[in-house]
Structures are given as structure tokens and as C-alpha cells.
PDB file of N, CA and C in Angstrom:
ATOM      1  N   MET A   1     -19.704 -82.576   4.068  1.00  0.00           N
ATOM      2  CA  MET A   1     -19.209 -81.898   2.778  1.00  0.00           C
ATOM      3  C   MET A   1     -19.686 -83.049   1.913  1.00  0.00           C
ATOM      4  N   THR A   2     -20.595 -82.674   0.674  1.00  0.00           N
ATOM      5  CA  THR A   2     -20.704 -83.645  -0.281  1.00  0.00           C
ATOM      6  C   THR A   2     -19.634 -84.098  -1.216  1.00  0.00           C
ATOM      7  N   HIS A   3     -19.129 -82.994  -1.530  1.00  0.00           N
ATOM      8  CA  HIS A   3     -17.667 -83.098  -2.356  1.00  0.00           C
ATOM      9  C   HIS A   3     -16.590 -82.849  -1.690  1.00  0.00           C
ATOM     10  N   PRO A   4     -15.532 -83.366  -0.853  1.00  0.00           N
ATOM     11  CA  PRO A   4     -14.383 -83.199  -0.029  1.00  0.00           C
ATOM     12  C   PRO A   4     -13.404 -82.828  -1.355  1.00  0.00           C
ATOM     13  N   GLN A   5     -13.299 -83.788  -2.105  1.00  0.00           N
ATOM     14  CA  GLN A   5     -12.646 -83.506  -3.342  1.00  0.00           C
ATOM     15  C   GLN A   5     -12.260 -82.369  -4.138  1.00  0.00           C
ATOM     16  N   GLY A   6     -13.375 -81.403  -3.875  1.00  0.00           N
ATOM     17  CA  GLY A   6     -13.835 -80.549  -5.037  1.00  0.00           C
ATOM     18  C   GLY A   6     -15.331 -81.066  -5.702  1.00  0.00           C
ATOM     19  N   ILE A   7     -15.358 -79.764  -6.973  1.00  0.00           N
ATOM     20  CA  ILE A   7     -16.067 -79.943  -8.130  1.00  0.00           C
ATOM     21  C   ILE A   7     -15.871 -79.562  -9.242  1.00  0.00           C
ATOM     22  N   THR A   8     -16.038 -79.481 -10.283  1.00  0.00           N
ATOM     23  CA  THR A   8     -16.234 -78.942 -11.419  1.00  0.00           C
ATOM     24  C   THR A   8     -17.481 -78.146 -11.698  1.00  0.00           C
ATOM     25  N   VAL A   9     -16.780 -77.377 -13.109  1.00  0.00           N
ATOM     26  CA  VAL A   9     -17.944 -76.563 -13.467  1.00  0.00           C
ATOM     27  C   VAL A   9     -19.385 -77.085 -13.701  1.00  0.00           C
ATOM     28  N   GLU A  10     -19.046 -78.221 -14.707  1.00  0.00           N
ATOM     29  CA  GLU A  10     -19.542 -78.925 -15.196  1.00  0.00           C
ATOM     30  C   GLU A  10     -20.606 -79.497 -14.144  1.00  0.00           C
ATOM     31  N   LYS A  11     -20.436 -80.240 -13.186  1.00  0.00           N
ATOM     32  CA  LYS A  11     -20.793 -80.855 -12.190  1.00  0.00           C
ATOM     33  C   LYS A  11     -21.937 -79.894 -11.483  1.00  0.00           C
ATOM     34  N   LEU A  12     -21.015 -78.470 -10.891  1.00  0.00           N
ATOM     35  CA  LEU A  12     -22.084 -77.483 -10.341  1.00  0.00           C
ATOM     36  C   LEU A  12     -23.346 -77.118 -11.274  1.00  0.00           C
ATOM     37  N   SER A  13     -22.738 -76.522 -12.717  1.00  0.00           N
ATOM     38  CA  SER A  13     -23.511 -76.203 -13.604  1.00  0.00           C
ATOM     39  C   SER A  13     -24.853 -77.261 -13.641  1.00  0.00           C
ATOM     40  N   ASN A  14     -25.107 -78.794 -13.764  1.00  0.00           N
ATOM     41  CA  ASN A  14     -25.781 -79.766 -13.789  1.00  0.00           C
ATOM     42  C   ASN A  14     -26.689 -79.618 -12.590  1.00  0.00           C
ATOM     43  N   SER A  15     -25.901 -79.982 -11.451  1.00  0.00           N
ATOM     44  CA  SER A  15     -26.866 -79.397 -10.476  1.00  0.00           C
ATOM     45  C   SER A  15     -27.175 -78.926 -10.088  1.00  0.00           C
ATOM     46  N   LEU A  16     -26.998 -77.183 -10.293  1.00  0.00           N
ATOM     47  CA  LEU A  16     -27.542 -76.138 -10.269  1.00  0.00           C
ATOM     48  C   LEU A  16     -28.873 -75.793 -11.480  1.00  0.00           C
ATOM     49  N   ASN A  17     -28.639 -76.624 -12.105  1.00  0.00           N
ATOM     50  CA  ASN A  17     -29.549 -76.367 -13.283  1.00  0.00           C
ATOM     51  C   ASN A  17     -29.593 -74.797 -14.118  1.00  0.00           C
ATOM     52  N   ARG A  18     -27.921 -74.578 -14.081  1.00  0.00           N
ATOM     53  CA  ARG A  18     -27.712 -73.294 -14.619  1.00  0.00           C
ATOM     54  C   ARG A  18     -26.859 -73.097 -15.751  1.00  0.00           C
ATOM     55  N   PRO A  19     -26.916 -72.292 -16.505  1.00  0.00           N
ATOM     56  CA  PRO A  19     -25.616 -72.250 -17.768  1.00  0.00           C
ATOM     57  C   PRO A  19     -24.614 -72.247 -17.085  1.00  0.00           C
ATOM     58  N   ILE A  20     -23.228 -73.083 -17.620  1.00  0.00           N
ATOM     59  CA  ILE A  20     -22.156 -73.083 -17.295  1.00  0.00           C
ATOM     60  C   ILE A  20     -21.466 -71.626 -17.410  1.00  0.00           C
ATOM     61  N   SER A  21     -21.997 -70.640 -18.223  1.00  0.00           N
ATOM     62  CA  SER A  21     -21.334 -69.421 -18.108  1.00  0.00           C
ATOM     63  C   SER A  21     -21.957 -68.374 -16.665  1.00  0.00           C
ATOM     64  N   ARG A  22     -22.873 -68.866 -16.323  1.00  0.00           N
ATOM     65  CA  ARG A  22     -23.578 -68.066 -15.459  1.00  0.00           C
ATOM     66  C   ARG A  22     -22.706 -68.569 -13.798  1.00  0.00           C
ATOM     67  N   VAL A  23     -22.456 -70.012 -13.880  1.00  0.00           N
ATOM     68  CA  VAL A  23     -21.489 -70.249 -12.754  1.00  0.00           C
ATOM     69  C   VAL A  23     -20.347 -69.741 -12.330  1.00  0.00           C
ATOM     70  N   GLN A  24     -19.507 -70.104 -13.716  1.00  0.00           N
ATOM     71  CA  GLN A  24     -18.756 -69.481 -13.885  1.00  0.00           C
ATOM     72  C   GLN A  24     -18.334 -67.665 -13.309  1.00  0.00           C
ATOM     73  N   SER A  25     -19.245 -67.353 -13.235  1.00  0.00           N
ATOM     74  CA  SER A  25     -19.458 -66.072 -13.357  1.00  0.00           C
ATOM     75  C   SER A  25     -19.634 -66.210 -11.745  1.00  0.00           C
ATOM     76  N   CYS A  26     -20.396 -66.984 -10.796  1.00  0.00           N
ATOM     77  CA  CYS A  26     -20.457 -66.343  -9.700  1.00  0.00           C
ATOM     78  C   CYS A  26     -19.353 -67.089  -9.019  1.00  0.00           C
ATOM     79  N   LEU A  27     -18.771 -68.384  -9.733  1.00  0.00           N
ATOM     80  CA  LEU A  27     -17.375 -68.857  -9.155  1.00  0.00           C
ATOM     81  C   LEU A  27     -15.728 -68.030  -9.154  1.00  0.00           C
ATOM     82  N   LYS A  28     -16.108 -66.812 -10.156  1.00  0.00           N
ATOM     83  CA  LYS A  28     -15.245 -65.847 -10.104  1.00  0.00           C
ATOM     84  C   LYS A  28     -15.179 -65.135  -9.396  1.00  0.00           C
ATOM     85  N   SER A  29     -16.622 -64.443  -8.702  1.00  0.00           N
ATOM     86  CA  SER A  29     -16.872 -63.652  -7.604  1.00  0.00           C
ATOM     87  C   SER A  29     -16.491 -64.354  -6.598  1.00  0.00           C
ATOM     88  N   LEU A  30     -17.025 -65.245  -5.975  1.00  0.00           N
ATOM     89  CA  LEU A  30     -16.126 -66.297  -4.822  1.00  0.00           C
ATOM     90  C   LEU A  30     -15.040 -66.572  -4.477  1.00  0.00           C
ATOM     91  N   LEU A  31     -14.242 -66.667  -5.808  1.00  0.00           N
ATOM     92  CA  LEU A  31     -12.552 -66.765  -5.843  1.00  0.00           C
ATOM     93  C   LEU A  31     -12.381 -65.327  -5.123  1.00  0.00           C
ATOM     94  N   ALA A  32     -12.605 -64.493  -5.813  1.00  0.00           N
ATOM     95  CA  ALA A  32     -12.176 -62.994  -5.318  1.00  0.00           C
ATOM     96  C   ALA A  32     -12.328 -62.543  -3.719  1.00  0.00           C
ATOM     97  N   VAL A  33     -13.272 -63.299  -3.193  1.00  0.00           N
ATOM     98  CA  VAL A  33     -13.590 -62.798  -1.881  1.00  0.00           C
ATOM     99  C   VAL A  33     -12.732 -64.163  -1.195  1.00  0.00           C
ATOM    100  N   LYS A  34     -12.394 -64.587  -1.649  1.00  0.00           N
ATOM    101  CA  LYS A  34     -11.785 -66.144  -1.092  1.00  0.00           C
ATOM    102  C   LYS A  34     -12.346 -67.070  -0.500  1.00  0.00           C
ATOM    103  N   VAL A  35     -13.805 -67.059  -0.968  1.00  0.00           N
ATOM    104  CA  VAL A  35     -14.593 -68.292   0.004  1.00  0.00           C
ATOM    105  C   VAL A  35     -14.156 -69.324  -0.635  1.00  0.00           C
ATOM    106  N   ILE A  36     -14.171 -69.277  -2.081  1.00  0.00           N
ATOM    107  CA  ILE A  36     -13.358 -70.717  -2.453  1.00  0.00           C
ATOM    108  C   ILE A  36     -12.193 -70.461  -2.975  1.00  0.00           C
ATOM    109  N   GLN A  37     -11.441 -71.893  -2.793  1.00  0.00           N
ATOM    110  CA  GLN A  37     -10.350 -72.108  -3.924  1.00  0.00           C
ATOM    111  C   GLN A  37     -10.291 -72.847  -4.835  1.00  0.00           C
ATOM    112  N   SER A  38      -9.408 -72.625  -5.890  1.00  0.00           N
ATOM    113  CA  SER A  38      -9.308 -74.154  -7.114  1.00  0.00           C
ATOM    114  C   SER A  38      -7.958 -74.174  -7.689  1.00  0.00           C
ATOM    115  N   LYS A  39      -8.093 -75.425  -7.955  1.00  0.00           N
ATOM    116  CA  LYS A  39      -6.718 -75.981  -8.188  1.00  0.00           C
ATOM    117  C   LYS A  39      -7.002 -76.795  -9.863  1.00  0.00           C
ATOM    118  N   ARG A  40      -6.455 -76.809 -10.966  1.00  0.00           N
ATOM    119  CA  ARG A  40      -6.120 -77.375 -11.541  1.00  0.00           C
ATOM    120  C   ARG A  40      -5.643 -78.786 -11.757  1.00  0.00           C
ATOM    121  N   LEU A  41      -6.495 -79.681 -12.220  1.00  0.00           N
ATOM    122  CA  LEU A  41      -6.133 -81.237 -12.288  1.00  0.00           C
ATOM    123  C   LEU A  41      -5.217 -81.384 -13.461  1.00  0.00           C
ATOM    124  N   SER A  42      -3.767 -82.304 -12.806  1.00  0.00           N
ATOM    125  CA  SER A  42      -2.734 -82.216 -13.861  1.00  0.00           C
ATOM    126  C   SER A  42      -3.110 -83.498 -14.771  1.00  0.00           C
ATOM    127  N   ASP A  43      -3.766 -84.190 -14.799  1.00  0.00           N
ATOM    128  CA  ASP A  43      -4.314 -85.058 -15.658  1.00  0.00           C
ATOM    129  C   ASP A  43      -5.432 -84.316 -16.818  1.00  0.00           C
ATOM    130  N   SER A  44      -5.774 -83.439 -16.618  1.00  0.00           N
ATOM    131  CA  SER A  44      -6.783 -82.898 -17.578  1.00  0.00           C
ATOM    132  C   SER A  44      -6.406 -80.957 -17.244  1.00  0.00           C
ATOM    133  N   LYS A  45      -7.206 -80.670 -18.161  1.00  0.00           N
ATOM    134  CA  LYS A  45      -7.482 -79.279 -18.358  1.00  0.00           C
ATOM    135  C   LYS A  45      -8.710 -78.711 -17.519  1.00  0.00           C
ATOM    136  N   LYS A  46      -9.029 -79.168 -16.399  1.00  0.00           N
ATOM    137  CA  LYS A  46     -10.452 -79.063 -15.703  1.00  0.00           C
ATOM    138  C   LYS A  46      -9.988 -78.058 -14.254  1.00  0.00           C
ATOM    139  N   TRP A  47     -10.693 -77.746 -14.042  1.00  0.00           N
ATOM    140  CA  TRP A  47     -10.521 -76.695 -12.514  1.00  0.00           C
ATOM    141  C   TRP A  47     -11.260 -77.447 -11.903  1.00  0.00           C
ATOM    142  N   ILE A  48     -10.640 -77.303 -10.583  1.00  0.00           N
ATOM    143  CA  ILE A  48     -11.715 -77.860  -9.397  1.00  0.00           C
ATOM    144  C   ILE A  48     -11.707 -76.822  -8.650  1.00  0.00           C
ATOM    145  N   TYR A  49     -13.088 -76.959  -7.711  1.00  0.00           N
ATOM    146  CA  TYR A  49     -13.355 -75.805  -7.122  1.00  0.00           C
ATOM    147  C   TYR A  49     -14.017 -76.096  -5.620  1.00  0.00           C
ATOM    148  N   TYR A  50     -13.409 -75.829  -4.393  1.00  0.00           N
ATOM    149  CA  TYR A  50     -13.340 -76.568  -2.847  1.00  0.00           C
ATOM    150  C   TYR A  50     -13.786 -75.165  -2.379  1.00  0.00           C
ATOM    151  N   PRO A  51     -14.323 -75.424  -1.120  1.00  0.00           N
ATOM    152  CA  PRO A  51     -14.302 -74.335  -0.371  1.00  0.00           C
ATOM    153  C   PRO A  51     -12.991 -74.299   0.406  1.00  0.00           C
ATOM    154  N   ALA A  52     -12.914 -72.787   0.510  1.00  0.00           N
ATOM    155  CA  ALA A  52     -12.030 -72.567   1.624  1.00  0.00           C
ATOM    156  C   ALA A  52     -11.710 -72.609   2.766  1.00  0.00           C
ATOM    157  N   SER A  53     -10.306 -73.028   3.380  1.00  0.00           N
ATOM    158  CA  SER A  53     -10.860 -73.589   5.126  1.00  0.00           C
ATOM    159  C   SER A  53     -11.692 -72.864   5.863  1.00  0.00           C
ATOM    160  N   VAL A  54     -12.550 -73.450   6.765  1.00  0.00           N
ATOM    161  CA  VAL A  54     -13.315 -72.716   7.639  1.00  0.00           C
ATOM    162  C   VAL A  54     -12.237 -71.438   8.578  1.00  0.00           C
ATOM    163  N   PHE A  55     -10.993 -72.262   8.842  1.00  0.00           N
ATOM    164  CA  PHE A  55     -10.536 -71.361   9.434  1.00  0.00           C
ATOM    165  C   PHE A  55     -10.079 -69.637   9.134  1.00  0.00           C
ATOM    166  N   SER A  56      -9.574 -69.771   7.780  1.00  0.00           N
ATOM    167  CA  SER A  56      -9.657 -68.713   7.036  1.00  0.00           C
ATOM    168  C   SER A  56     -10.625 -67.751   7.168  1.00  0.00           C
ATOM    169  N   LEU A  57     -12.011 -68.705   6.976  1.00  0.00           N
ATOM    170  CA  LEU A  57     -13.243 -67.764   6.349  1.00  0.00           C
ATOM    171  C   LEU A  57     -13.635 -66.859   8.316  1.00  0.00           C
ATOM    172  N   LYS A  58     -13.455 -67.862   9.528  1.00  0.00           N
ATOM    173  CA  LYS A  58     -13.420 -67.466  10.484  1.00  0.00           C
ATOM    174  C   LYS A  58     -13.188 -66.163  10.787  1.00  0.00           C
ATOM    175  N   TYR A  59     -11.518 -66.148  10.546  1.00  0.00           N
ATOM    176  CA  TYR A  59     -10.666 -65.048  11.100  1.00  0.00           C
ATOM    177  C   TYR A  59      -9.749 -64.228   9.858  1.00  0.00           C
ATOM    178  N   ASN A  60     -10.819 -64.550   9.111  1.00  0.00           N
ATOM    179  CA  ASN A  60     -10.101 -62.795   8.111  1.00  0.00           C
ATOM    180  C   ASN A  60     -11.057 -62.062   7.776  1.00  0.00           C
TER     181      ASN A  60
END
């Protein structure tokens, strides 16, 4: 995994070369089906996204 600590929407947008709004829309769908998880950084207002655990994906 290239980002074990998670990745921000801005970084994803830049690496995928897609608008932030498009990335946010996709992330919302992935969060709904629990493919990814998110958490808010305590020192900023940014959300960090990272894959859900392999165990929960395999057995749900």
C-alpha cells in the first residue's frame, strides 16, 4: 500500500487528475459500502481516507 496512513481528497484529486467534487462523490459511495474508512485529523479540518481492513471486506 502506498499510503498506509491515508490520503486526502486533494492528493487523490491531483494523482487521478480529476476534480475534487468528482473524487468526493466517489469517496461518498465507497464509504457507504464500507470499502474505505475516514477520519478527521485533529490538527486540521481535513479528512483522511484509507482502505477498510481486509478482514472486514473478506467476510462481510
